[in-house]
Amino acid sequence: MLEIIYSDDALVVVNKPTGLLSVPGRGPDKQDCLYHRMLEQFPDALMVHRLDMDTSGLVLFARTPEAQRNLSMQFEKREISKTYIAVVEGVIEKKVGMVDFPMRKDMAHSLPPRHVVDCVRGKKALTEWKVLERTETTTRVALFPQTGRSHQLRVHMECIGFPIVGDPIYGTPAERLMLHAQSLEFRHPETGEPIRLECPAPF
């Protein structure tokens, strides 16, 4: 059973485990996914956004077409705030920073899917970060994506020299990718009331 963080008649927020696709992929071996599991508990669940397979944390679903349109528009207008927790390789000396590198999909690599920084053809991608804790070899950071590009946080941290621990594409594979969507802030699609939900990182 999935861990439900919040639910009402308009929406559901769930804690996606690492290693689970958000939506089905190509082929019969990629049909097990968060969306299909959600339909077993909430037959009216509608996708609003997704997380990478290796990323854990909060995913928001709508329960009516009207709520889906409203929440999707909030994402499109960047009115939804997201906070991720990550552990990266290396020690970051600065306390806060910003990565402003355009990105695009790297069509030269189909498996695994990769994205790259491209200042000419890439789409705008902006990530703010804040150091939370340091060890001798790693840094725990809070990441605040201001745009929603695929693999944005993973690519941005790798391109400034601090790949996320356990990243099988942009870093060194390990037991899991140390990236977790910890909080979401948005307006309720029916009442307009602000909602802030949290799910602490399991690492």
N, C-alpha and C. Protein backbone atom coordinates (compact mmCIF):
# COMPACT_ATOMS: atom_id res chain seq x y z
N MET A 1 0.84 -1.20 0.00
CA MET A 1 0.00 0.00 0.00
C MET A 1 0.87 1.25 0.00
N LEU A 2 0.44 2.23 -0.76
CA LEU A 2 1.17 3.48 -0.83
C LEU A 2 0.93 4.31 0.44
N GLU A 3 1.91 5.13 0.79
CA GLU A 3 1.77 6.03 1.93
C GLU A 3 1.07 7.30 1.48
N ILE A 4 -0.16 7.47 1.93
CA ILE A 4 -0.94 8.65 1.56
C ILE A 4 -0.67 9.74 2.58
N ILE A 5 -0.21 10.88 2.10
CA ILE A 5 0.12 12.00 2.97
C ILE A 5 -1.09 12.89 3.22
N TYR A 6 -1.93 13.05 2.19
CA TYR A 6 -3.13 13.90 2.31
C TYR A 6 -4.12 13.47 1.24
N SER A 7 -5.40 13.52 1.57
CA SER A 7 -6.43 13.27 0.56
C SER A 7 -7.72 13.96 0.93
N ASP A 8 -8.44 14.42 -0.08
CA ASP A 8 -9.81 14.90 0.08
C ASP A 8 -10.54 14.63 -1.23
N ASP A 9 -11.68 15.23 -1.44
CA ASP A 9 -12.47 14.93 -2.64
C ASP A 9 -11.86 15.47 -3.92
N ALA A 10 -10.89 16.38 -3.79
CA ALA A 10 -10.32 17.04 -4.98
C ALA A 10 -8.92 16.56 -5.33
N LEU A 11 -8.18 16.06 -4.34
CA LEU A 11 -6.77 15.73 -4.59
C LEU A 11 -6.25 14.69 -3.63
N VAL A 12 -5.12 14.10 -4.02
CA VAL A 12 -4.40 13.14 -3.17
C VAL A 12 -2.91 13.42 -3.31
N VAL A 13 -2.20 13.38 -2.19
CA VAL A 13 -0.75 13.51 -2.22
C VAL A 13 -0.16 12.24 -1.61
N VAL A 14 0.78 11.64 -2.33
CA VAL A 14 1.33 10.34 -1.94
C VAL A 14 2.85 10.43 -1.88
N ASN A 15 3.45 9.59 -1.05
CA ASN A 15 4.90 9.49 -0.96
C ASN A 15 5.38 8.38 -1.90
N LYS A 16 5.95 8.77 -3.02
CA LYS A 16 6.42 7.78 -3.99
C LYS A 16 7.73 7.15 -3.52
N PRO A 17 7.82 5.83 -3.51
CA PRO A 17 9.09 5.20 -3.14
C PRO A 17 10.11 5.30 -4.28
N THR A 18 11.38 5.25 -3.94
CA THR A 18 12.42 5.24 -4.95
C THR A 18 12.35 3.95 -5.76
N GLY A 19 12.75 4.01 -7.01
CA GLY A 19 12.77 2.82 -7.86
C GLY A 19 11.46 2.51 -8.54
N LEU A 20 10.45 3.37 -8.36
CA LEU A 20 9.14 3.14 -8.97
C LEU A 20 8.88 4.21 -10.02
N LEU A 21 8.51 3.80 -11.23
CA LEU A 21 8.14 4.75 -12.28
C LEU A 21 6.91 5.54 -11.86
N SER A 22 6.83 6.80 -12.27
CA SER A 22 5.63 7.59 -12.00
C SER A 22 4.49 7.18 -12.93
N VAL A 23 4.81 6.93 -14.19
CA VAL A 23 3.83 6.51 -15.18
C VAL A 23 4.40 5.30 -15.92
N PRO A 24 3.56 4.52 -16.58
CA PRO A 24 4.08 3.33 -17.26
C PRO A 24 5.05 3.67 -18.37
N GLY A 25 6.03 2.81 -18.57
CA GLY A 25 6.98 2.97 -19.66
C GLY A 25 6.62 2.05 -20.81
N ARG A 26 7.53 1.94 -21.74
CA ARG A 26 7.31 1.08 -22.90
C ARG A 26 7.66 -0.36 -22.55
N GLY A 27 6.78 -1.28 -22.93
CA GLY A 27 7.04 -2.69 -22.69
C GLY A 27 6.29 -3.21 -21.49
N PRO A 28 5.98 -4.51 -21.49
CA PRO A 28 5.20 -5.12 -20.39
C PRO A 28 5.93 -5.11 -19.06
N ASP A 29 7.27 -5.00 -19.07
CA ASP A 29 8.03 -5.01 -17.83
C ASP A 29 8.07 -3.64 -17.17
N LYS A 30 7.45 -2.63 -17.78
CA LYS A 30 7.47 -1.28 -17.22
C LYS A 30 6.05 -0.76 -16.97
N GLN A 31 5.14 -1.66 -16.69
CA GLN A 31 3.76 -1.27 -16.43
C GLN A 31 3.48 -0.99 -14.95
N ASP A 32 4.29 -1.58 -14.07
CA ASP A 32 4.13 -1.28 -12.64
C ASP A 32 4.64 0.13 -12.39
N CYS A 33 3.76 1.00 -11.90
CA CYS A 33 4.13 2.40 -11.72
C CYS A 33 3.24 3.02 -10.66
N LEU A 34 3.61 4.21 -10.25
CA LEU A 34 2.84 4.92 -9.22
C LEU A 34 1.40 5.15 -9.66
N TYR A 35 1.22 5.55 -10.91
CA TYR A 35 -0.13 5.85 -11.39
C TYR A 35 -1.04 4.63 -11.31
N HIS A 36 -0.56 3.48 -11.77
CA HIS A 36 -1.39 2.28 -11.72
C HIS A 36 -1.67 1.84 -10.29
N ARG A 37 -0.69 2.00 -9.41
CA ARG A 37 -0.92 1.65 -8.01
C ARG A 37 -1.93 2.61 -7.37
N MET A 38 -1.87 3.88 -7.75
CA MET A 38 -2.83 4.84 -7.23
C MET A 38 -4.25 4.51 -7.65
N LEU A 39 -4.40 4.05 -8.90
CA LEU A 39 -5.75 3.72 -9.38
C LEU A 39 -6.38 2.59 -8.58
N GLU A 40 -5.56 1.72 -8.01
CA GLU A 40 -6.10 0.64 -7.18
C GLU A 40 -6.73 1.17 -5.90
N GLN A 41 -6.19 2.28 -5.36
CA GLN A 41 -6.72 2.87 -4.14
C GLN A 41 -7.68 4.02 -4.43
N PHE A 42 -7.41 4.75 -5.51
CA PHE A 42 -8.22 5.92 -5.89
C PHE A 42 -8.52 5.83 -7.39
N PRO A 43 -9.60 5.16 -7.77
CA PRO A 43 -9.90 4.96 -9.20
C PRO A 43 -10.07 6.25 -9.99
N ASP A 44 -10.30 7.37 -9.29
CA ASP A 44 -10.50 8.64 -9.99
C ASP A 44 -9.21 9.47 -10.06
N ALA A 45 -8.07 8.90 -9.66
CA ALA A 45 -6.82 9.66 -9.62
C ALA A 45 -6.38 10.10 -11.02
N LEU A 46 -5.93 11.35 -11.12
CA LEU A 46 -5.46 11.92 -12.38
C LEU A 46 -4.07 12.52 -12.16
N MET A 47 -3.14 12.24 -13.09
CA MET A 47 -1.77 12.74 -12.95
C MET A 47 -1.74 14.27 -13.08
N VAL A 48 -0.90 14.89 -12.27
CA VAL A 48 -0.66 16.33 -12.36
C VAL A 48 0.82 16.59 -12.68
N HIS A 49 1.70 15.84 -12.04
CA HIS A 49 3.14 15.95 -12.30
C HIS A 49 3.77 14.62 -11.96
N ARG A 50 5.07 14.51 -12.11
CA ARG A 50 5.73 13.23 -11.86
C ARG A 50 7.12 13.46 -11.31
N LEU A 51 7.70 12.39 -10.77
CA LEU A 51 9.09 12.38 -10.32
C LEU A 51 9.86 11.33 -11.11
N ASP A 52 11.18 11.51 -11.21
CA ASP A 52 12.03 10.49 -11.81
C ASP A 52 11.84 9.17 -11.07
N MET A 53 12.07 8.07 -11.74
CA MET A 53 11.94 6.76 -11.12
C MET A 53 12.78 6.65 -9.85
N ASP A 54 14.01 7.18 -9.89
CA ASP A 54 14.92 7.01 -8.77
C ASP A 54 14.69 8.00 -7.64
N THR A 55 13.85 9.00 -7.86
CA THR A 55 13.56 10.02 -6.84
C THR A 55 12.35 9.60 -6.02
N SER A 56 12.43 9.76 -4.71
CA SER A 56 11.30 9.49 -3.83
C SER A 56 10.63 10.80 -3.42
N GLY A 57 9.45 10.68 -2.82
CA GLY A 57 8.84 11.87 -2.24
C GLY A 57 7.45 12.19 -2.75
N LEU A 58 7.03 13.42 -2.49
CA LEU A 58 5.65 13.84 -2.67
C LEU A 58 5.25 13.99 -4.14
N VAL A 59 4.14 13.34 -4.48
CA VAL A 59 3.55 13.47 -5.81
C VAL A 59 2.07 13.82 -5.63
N LEU A 60 1.62 14.81 -6.39
CA LEU A 60 0.26 15.34 -6.28
C LEU A 60 -0.61 14.78 -7.40
N PHE A 61 -1.77 14.24 -7.02
CA PHE A 61 -2.77 13.77 -7.97
C PHE A 61 -4.07 14.55 -7.78
N ALA A 62 -4.77 14.80 -8.88
CA ALA A 62 -6.11 15.38 -8.81
C ALA A 62 -7.13 14.25 -8.81
N ARG A 63 -8.34 14.58 -8.37
CA ARG A 63 -9.41 13.58 -8.36
C ARG A 63 -10.61 13.98 -9.21
N THR A 64 -10.53 15.15 -9.83
CA THR A 64 -11.55 15.58 -10.79
C THR A 64 -10.85 16.28 -11.94
N PRO A 65 -11.44 16.30 -13.13
CA PRO A 65 -10.83 17.02 -14.25
C PRO A 65 -10.63 18.50 -13.95
N GLU A 66 -11.57 19.10 -13.22
CA GLU A 66 -11.45 20.51 -12.88
C GLU A 66 -10.25 20.76 -11.98
N ALA A 67 -10.06 19.89 -10.98
CA ALA A 67 -8.92 20.02 -10.09
C ALA A 67 -7.61 19.79 -10.84
N GLN A 68 -7.62 18.86 -11.78
CA GLN A 68 -6.42 18.60 -12.58
C GLN A 68 -6.03 19.83 -13.39
N ARG A 69 -7.01 20.48 -14.02
CA ARG A 69 -6.72 21.69 -14.80
C ARG A 69 -6.17 22.79 -13.90
N ASN A 70 -6.78 22.97 -12.74
CA ASN A 70 -6.35 24.02 -11.82
C ASN A 70 -4.93 23.79 -11.32
N LEU A 71 -4.64 22.57 -10.89
CA LEU A 71 -3.31 22.27 -10.36
C LEU A 71 -2.25 22.31 -11.46
N SER A 72 -2.61 21.82 -12.65
CA SER A 72 -1.67 21.87 -13.77
C SER A 72 -1.33 23.31 -14.12
N MET A 73 -2.31 24.19 -14.05
CA MET A 73 -2.08 25.60 -14.33
C MET A 73 -1.18 26.22 -13.27
N GLN A 74 -1.35 25.81 -12.01
CA GLN A 74 -0.46 26.31 -10.96
C GLN A 74 0.99 25.90 -11.23
N PHE A 75 1.18 24.66 -11.69
CA PHE A 75 2.53 24.23 -12.05
C PHE A 75 3.05 25.04 -13.22
N GLU A 76 2.21 25.23 -14.25
CA GLU A 76 2.64 25.94 -15.45
C GLU A 76 3.04 27.37 -15.13
N LYS A 77 2.31 28.01 -14.21
CA LYS A 77 2.60 29.39 -13.83
C LYS A 77 3.66 29.48 -12.73
N ARG A 78 4.22 28.35 -12.33
CA ARG A 78 5.25 28.28 -11.29
C ARG A 78 4.76 28.84 -9.97
N GLU A 79 3.50 28.55 -9.67
CA GLU A 79 2.91 28.99 -8.41
C GLU A 79 3.01 27.93 -7.32
N ILE A 80 3.50 26.76 -7.67
CA ILE A 80 3.67 25.68 -6.70
C ILE A 80 5.14 25.63 -6.27
N SER A 81 5.38 25.68 -4.97
CA SER A 81 6.74 25.64 -4.44
C SER A 81 7.10 24.22 -4.03
N LYS A 82 8.30 23.79 -4.43
CA LYS A 82 8.77 22.45 -4.11
C LYS A 82 10.14 22.54 -3.44
N THR A 83 10.33 21.71 -2.43
CA THR A 83 11.63 21.61 -1.77
C THR A 83 12.08 20.16 -1.82
N TYR A 84 13.30 19.95 -2.29
CA TYR A 84 13.90 18.62 -2.33
C TYR A 84 15.07 18.58 -1.35
N ILE A 85 15.32 17.40 -0.81
CA ILE A 85 16.51 17.16 0.00
C ILE A 85 17.41 16.22 -0.79
N ALA A 86 18.71 16.55 -0.81
CA ALA A 86 19.66 15.71 -1.53
C ALA A 86 20.97 15.64 -0.74
N VAL A 87 21.69 14.55 -0.95
CA VAL A 87 23.06 14.43 -0.47
C VAL A 87 23.93 14.35 -1.71
N VAL A 88 24.91 15.24 -1.81
CA VAL A 88 25.75 15.30 -3.00
C VAL A 88 27.18 14.91 -2.67
N GLU A 89 27.89 14.47 -3.70
CA GLU A 89 29.30 14.12 -3.55
C GLU A 89 30.12 15.40 -3.42
N GLY A 90 31.08 15.40 -2.50
CA GLY A 90 31.93 16.57 -2.32
C GLY A 90 31.41 17.52 -1.26
N VAL A 91 32.26 18.44 -0.87
CA VAL A 91 31.93 19.41 0.17
C VAL A 91 31.74 20.79 -0.46
N ILE A 92 30.53 21.31 -0.37
CA ILE A 92 30.22 22.64 -0.90
C ILE A 92 30.58 23.67 0.16
N GLU A 93 31.44 24.60 -0.17
CA GLU A 93 31.91 25.58 0.80
C GLU A 93 30.93 26.74 0.99
N LYS A 94 30.29 27.16 -0.09
CA LYS A 94 29.31 28.24 0.03
C LYS A 94 28.06 27.76 0.76
N LYS A 95 27.32 28.69 1.35
CA LYS A 95 26.11 28.33 2.09
C LYS A 95 24.89 28.25 1.18
N VAL A 96 24.82 29.14 0.20
CA VAL A 96 23.68 29.17 -0.71
C VAL A 96 24.17 29.44 -2.12
N GLY A 97 23.34 29.13 -3.09
CA GLY A 97 23.74 29.39 -4.47
C GLY A 97 22.58 29.19 -5.42
N MET A 98 22.87 29.43 -6.70
CA MET A 98 21.87 29.28 -7.75
C MET A 98 22.54 28.72 -8.99
N VAL A 99 21.85 27.82 -9.67
CA VAL A 99 22.33 27.28 -10.94
C VAL A 99 21.34 27.72 -12.01
N ASP A 100 21.83 28.43 -13.00
CA ASP A 100 20.99 28.98 -14.06
C ASP A 100 21.56 28.54 -15.41
N PHE A 101 21.38 27.24 -15.74
CA PHE A 101 21.90 26.67 -16.97
C PHE A 101 20.76 26.07 -17.77
N PRO A 102 20.54 26.52 -19.02
CA PRO A 102 19.50 25.94 -19.86
C PRO A 102 19.78 24.46 -20.13
N MET A 103 18.72 23.68 -20.35
CA MET A 103 18.85 22.24 -20.53
C MET A 103 18.03 21.77 -21.73
N ARG A 104 18.45 20.62 -22.26
CA ARG A 104 17.67 19.92 -23.29
C ARG A 104 17.94 18.43 -23.17
N LYS A 105 17.08 17.66 -23.79
CA LYS A 105 17.29 16.22 -23.83
C LYS A 105 18.43 15.90 -24.78
N ASP A 106 19.29 14.98 -24.39
CA ASP A 106 20.42 14.58 -25.23
C ASP A 106 19.96 13.45 -26.15
N MET A 107 19.62 13.80 -27.37
CA MET A 107 19.07 12.82 -28.30
C MET A 107 20.09 11.79 -28.74
N ALA A 108 21.37 12.02 -28.47
CA ALA A 108 22.41 11.06 -28.85
C ALA A 108 22.44 9.87 -27.89
N HIS A 109 21.78 10.00 -26.75
CA HIS A 109 21.74 8.92 -25.78
C HIS A 109 20.28 8.59 -25.48
N SER A 110 19.83 7.43 -25.92
CA SER A 110 18.43 7.06 -25.70
C SER A 110 18.26 6.24 -24.43
N LEU A 111 19.20 5.40 -24.10
CA LEU A 111 19.13 4.57 -22.91
C LEU A 111 20.46 4.64 -22.17
N PRO A 112 20.47 5.06 -20.90
CA PRO A 112 19.32 5.66 -20.21
C PRO A 112 19.06 7.07 -20.72
N PRO A 113 17.85 7.59 -20.49
CA PRO A 113 17.56 8.96 -20.96
C PRO A 113 18.44 9.96 -20.23
N ARG A 114 19.09 10.82 -21.00
CA ARG A 114 19.98 11.82 -20.42
C ARG A 114 19.54 13.22 -20.84
N HIS A 115 19.88 14.18 -20.00
CA HIS A 115 19.66 15.58 -20.33
C HIS A 115 20.97 16.32 -20.12
N VAL A 116 21.18 17.36 -20.90
CA VAL A 116 22.45 18.07 -20.86
C VAL A 116 22.22 19.57 -20.82
N VAL A 117 23.23 20.28 -20.32
CA VAL A 117 23.21 21.75 -20.37
C VAL A 117 23.54 22.19 -21.79
N ASP A 118 22.72 23.10 -22.32
CA ASP A 118 22.94 23.62 -23.67
C ASP A 118 22.52 25.09 -23.67
N CYS A 119 23.50 25.98 -23.65
CA CYS A 119 23.22 27.41 -23.56
C CYS A 119 22.68 27.99 -24.85
N VAL A 120 22.68 27.22 -25.94
CA VAL A 120 22.19 27.70 -27.23
C VAL A 120 20.78 27.18 -27.50
N ARG A 121 20.60 25.86 -27.38
CA ARG A 121 19.31 25.25 -27.73
C ARG A 121 18.49 24.82 -26.51
N GLY A 122 19.05 24.92 -25.33
CA GLY A 122 18.35 24.45 -24.14
C GLY A 122 17.23 25.38 -23.69
N LYS A 123 16.31 24.83 -22.88
CA LYS A 123 15.23 25.61 -22.28
C LYS A 123 15.67 26.08 -20.89
N LYS A 124 15.17 27.22 -20.49
CA LYS A 124 15.58 27.82 -19.22
C LYS A 124 15.36 26.85 -18.07
N ALA A 125 16.36 26.74 -17.21
CA ALA A 125 16.28 25.88 -16.03
C ALA A 125 17.00 26.59 -14.89
N LEU A 126 16.32 26.73 -13.77
CA LEU A 126 16.85 27.49 -12.65
C LEU A 126 16.65 26.72 -11.35
N THR A 127 17.73 26.54 -10.60
CA THR A 127 17.69 25.83 -9.33
C THR A 127 18.40 26.64 -8.26
N GLU A 128 17.73 26.87 -7.13
CA GLU A 128 18.37 27.48 -5.97
C GLU A 128 18.73 26.37 -4.98
N TRP A 129 19.82 26.54 -4.24
CA TRP A 129 20.23 25.52 -3.28
C TRP A 129 20.72 26.15 -1.99
N LYS A 130 20.67 25.37 -0.91
CA LYS A 130 21.10 25.82 0.41
C LYS A 130 21.74 24.65 1.14
N VAL A 131 22.93 24.86 1.67
CA VAL A 131 23.61 23.80 2.42
C VAL A 131 22.95 23.61 3.78
N LEU A 132 22.68 22.35 4.12
CA LEU A 132 22.10 22.02 5.42
C LEU A 132 23.12 21.40 6.37
N GLU A 133 24.03 20.61 5.81
CA GLU A 133 25.00 19.89 6.66
C GLU A 133 26.15 19.40 5.79
N ARG A 134 27.34 19.32 6.38
CA ARG A 134 28.51 18.84 5.67
C ARG A 134 29.16 17.70 6.44
N THR A 135 29.69 16.72 5.69
CA THR A 135 30.56 15.70 6.26
C THR A 135 31.92 15.88 5.60
N GLU A 136 32.82 14.95 5.84
CA GLU A 136 34.14 15.05 5.22
C GLU A 136 34.10 14.85 3.71
N THR A 137 33.09 14.14 3.22
CA THR A 137 33.06 13.80 1.80
C THR A 137 31.76 14.16 1.08
N THR A 138 30.73 14.55 1.83
CA THR A 138 29.44 14.84 1.21
C THR A 138 28.82 16.11 1.79
N THR A 139 27.78 16.60 1.11
CA THR A 139 27.04 17.76 1.59
C THR A 139 25.54 17.48 1.46
N ARG A 140 24.81 17.77 2.52
CA ARG A 140 23.35 17.65 2.49
C ARG A 140 22.78 19.02 2.14
N VAL A 141 21.94 19.06 1.12
CA VAL A 141 21.43 20.33 0.64
C VAL A 141 19.92 20.30 0.48
N ALA A 142 19.33 21.49 0.58
CA ALA A 142 17.93 21.68 0.18
C ALA A 142 17.95 22.30 -1.21
N LEU A 143 17.14 21.76 -2.11
CA LEU A 143 17.09 22.23 -3.49
C LEU A 143 15.71 22.80 -3.77
N PHE A 144 15.70 23.97 -4.43
CA PHE A 144 14.44 24.66 -4.71
C PHE A 144 14.34 24.92 -6.22
N PRO A 145 13.78 23.99 -6.97
CA PRO A 145 13.67 24.20 -8.43
C PRO A 145 12.66 25.30 -8.75
N GLN A 146 13.10 26.26 -9.56
CA GLN A 146 12.21 27.34 -9.99
C GLN A 146 11.60 27.03 -11.35
N THR A 147 12.10 26.00 -12.00
CA THR A 147 11.52 25.48 -13.24
C THR A 147 11.40 23.97 -13.07
N GLY A 148 10.74 23.30 -14.00
CA GLY A 148 10.47 21.87 -13.82
C GLY A 148 10.97 21.00 -14.95
N ARG A 149 12.22 21.18 -15.34
CA ARG A 149 12.79 20.36 -16.42
C ARG A 149 13.09 18.95 -15.93
N SER A 150 12.99 17.98 -16.84
CA SER A 150 13.33 16.60 -16.50
C SER A 150 14.80 16.52 -16.09
N HIS A 151 15.06 15.81 -15.01
CA HIS A 151 16.42 15.60 -14.49
C HIS A 151 17.11 16.90 -14.09
N GLN A 152 16.34 17.97 -13.91
CA GLN A 152 16.94 19.28 -13.67
C GLN A 152 17.90 19.29 -12.48
N LEU A 153 17.45 18.80 -11.33
CA LEU A 153 18.28 18.87 -10.14
C LEU A 153 19.53 18.01 -10.29
N ARG A 154 19.36 16.87 -10.90
CA ARG A 154 20.48 15.94 -11.08
C ARG A 154 21.54 16.53 -12.02
N VAL A 155 21.08 17.10 -13.12
CA VAL A 155 22.02 17.70 -14.08
C VAL A 155 22.68 18.94 -13.50
N HIS A 156 21.90 19.78 -12.86
CA HIS A 156 22.45 21.02 -12.32
C HIS A 156 23.51 20.76 -11.25
N MET A 157 23.26 19.81 -10.35
CA MET A 157 24.25 19.54 -9.31
C MET A 157 25.50 18.90 -9.91
N GLU A 158 25.32 18.05 -10.90
CA GLU A 158 26.48 17.43 -11.55
C GLU A 158 27.30 18.47 -12.30
N CYS A 159 26.65 19.42 -12.95
CA CYS A 159 27.39 20.37 -13.78
C CYS A 159 28.15 21.39 -12.96
N ILE A 160 27.83 21.57 -11.67
CA ILE A 160 28.63 22.45 -10.82
C ILE A 160 29.63 21.65 -9.98
N GLY A 161 29.75 20.35 -10.30
CA GLY A 161 30.78 19.53 -9.68
C GLY A 161 30.37 18.76 -8.45
N PHE A 162 29.06 18.69 -8.17
CA PHE A 162 28.59 17.99 -6.98
C PHE A 162 27.42 17.06 -7.32
N PRO A 163 27.70 15.95 -8.03
CA PRO A 163 26.61 15.04 -8.41
C PRO A 163 25.92 14.46 -7.18
N ILE A 164 24.64 14.17 -7.32
CA ILE A 164 23.88 13.60 -6.22
C ILE A 164 24.34 12.17 -5.97
N VAL A 165 24.54 11.84 -4.71
CA VAL A 165 25.01 10.51 -4.33
C VAL A 165 24.04 9.45 -4.85
N GLY A 166 24.61 8.42 -5.46
CA GLY A 166 23.81 7.30 -5.94
C GLY A 166 23.16 7.51 -7.29
N ASP A 167 23.52 8.56 -8.00
CA ASP A 167 22.89 8.83 -9.30
C ASP A 167 23.45 7.88 -10.35
N PRO A 168 22.61 6.98 -10.90
CA PRO A 168 23.10 5.99 -11.86
C PRO A 168 23.39 6.57 -13.24
N ILE A 169 22.96 7.80 -13.51
CA ILE A 169 23.15 8.42 -14.82
C ILE A 169 24.22 9.50 -14.78
N TYR A 170 24.16 10.37 -13.79
CA TYR A 170 25.05 11.52 -13.75
C TYR A 170 26.13 11.44 -12.67
N GLY A 171 26.14 10.36 -11.92
CA GLY A 171 27.11 10.21 -10.85
C GLY A 171 27.57 8.77 -10.73
N THR A 172 27.71 8.32 -9.49
CA THR A 172 28.15 6.96 -9.21
C THR A 172 26.99 6.15 -8.66
N PRO A 173 26.57 5.06 -9.32
CA PRO A 173 25.44 4.26 -8.84
C PRO A 173 25.67 3.75 -7.42
N ALA A 174 24.60 3.69 -6.65
CA ALA A 174 24.65 3.15 -5.29
C ALA A 174 23.30 2.52 -4.99
N GLU A 175 23.06 2.25 -3.70
CA GLU A 175 21.82 1.57 -3.32
C GLU A 175 20.59 2.36 -3.74
N ARG A 176 20.66 3.68 -3.63
CA ARG A 176 19.56 4.53 -4.07
C ARG A 176 20.08 5.91 -4.39
N LEU A 177 19.30 6.65 -5.18
CA LEU A 177 19.57 8.05 -5.45
C LEU A 177 19.16 8.85 -4.22
N MET A 178 20.07 9.65 -3.71
CA MET A 178 19.79 10.41 -2.49
C MET A 178 19.12 11.74 -2.83
N LEU A 179 17.92 11.61 -3.35
CA LEU A 179 17.11 12.77 -3.74
C LEU A 179 15.66 12.51 -3.37
N HIS A 180 15.06 13.44 -2.63
CA HIS A 180 13.72 13.23 -2.09
C HIS A 180 12.92 14.53 -2.16
N ALA A 181 11.72 14.45 -2.71
CA ALA A 181 10.82 15.60 -2.76
C ALA A 181 10.12 15.72 -1.41
N GLN A 182 10.59 16.67 -0.60
CA GLN A 182 10.17 16.70 0.80
C GLN A 182 8.94 17.56 1.07
N SER A 183 8.75 18.65 0.33
CA SER A 183 7.59 19.49 0.62
C SER A 183 6.96 20.05 -0.65
N LEU A 184 5.67 20.33 -0.54
CA LEU A 184 4.89 20.95 -1.61
C LEU A 184 4.03 22.06 -1.01
N GLU A 185 3.98 23.19 -1.69
CA GLU A 185 3.09 24.28 -1.29
C GLU A 185 2.27 24.70 -2.50
N PHE A 186 0.95 24.71 -2.35
CA PHE A 186 0.07 25.06 -3.46
C PHE A 186 -1.27 25.55 -2.92
N ARG A 187 -2.12 26.01 -3.82
CA ARG A 187 -3.46 26.44 -3.44
C ARG A 187 -4.44 25.30 -3.72
N HIS A 188 -5.35 25.09 -2.78
CA HIS A 188 -6.36 24.05 -3.00
C HIS A 188 -7.16 24.39 -4.25
N PRO A 189 -7.34 23.43 -5.16
CA PRO A 189 -7.98 23.73 -6.44
C PRO A 189 -9.44 24.15 -6.34
N GLU A 190 -10.10 23.86 -5.22
CA GLU A 190 -11.50 24.24 -5.07
C GLU A 190 -11.69 25.44 -4.17
N THR A 191 -10.98 25.49 -3.06
CA THR A 191 -11.19 26.56 -2.08
C THR A 191 -10.19 27.71 -2.23
N GLY A 192 -9.06 27.44 -2.88
CA GLY A 192 -8.03 28.46 -2.98
C GLY A 192 -7.18 28.61 -1.74
N GLU A 193 -7.47 27.84 -0.71
CA GLU A 193 -6.71 27.93 0.53
C GLU A 193 -5.30 27.37 0.33
N PRO A 194 -4.29 28.01 0.95
CA PRO A 194 -2.92 27.50 0.84
C PRO A 194 -2.75 26.18 1.59
N ILE A 195 -2.01 25.26 0.96
CA ILE A 195 -1.72 23.96 1.57
C ILE A 195 -0.21 23.76 1.53
N ARG A 196 0.35 23.34 2.66
CA ARG A 196 1.77 22.99 2.70
C ARG A 196 1.90 21.60 3.30
N LEU A 197 2.50 20.69 2.54
CA LEU A 197 2.64 19.30 2.97
C LEU A 197 4.11 18.92 3.01
N GLU A 198 4.47 18.10 4.00
CA GLU A 198 5.85 17.65 4.14
C GLU A 198 5.92 16.15 4.33
N CYS A 199 7.02 15.59 3.86
CA CYS A 199 7.31 14.17 4.04
C CYS A 199 8.82 14.07 4.19
N PRO A 200 9.33 13.88 5.42
CA PRO A 200 10.77 13.91 5.65
C PRO A 200 11.54 12.90 4.81
N ALA A 201 12.72 13.27 4.40
CA ALA A 201 13.58 12.38 3.62
C ALA A 201 13.94 11.15 4.45
N PRO A 202 13.94 9.97 3.83
CA PRO A 202 14.26 8.73 4.56
C PRO A 202 15.75 8.47 4.69
N PHE A 203 16.57 9.48 4.42
CA PHE A 203 18.03 9.32 4.53
C PHE A 203 18.64 10.55 5.20
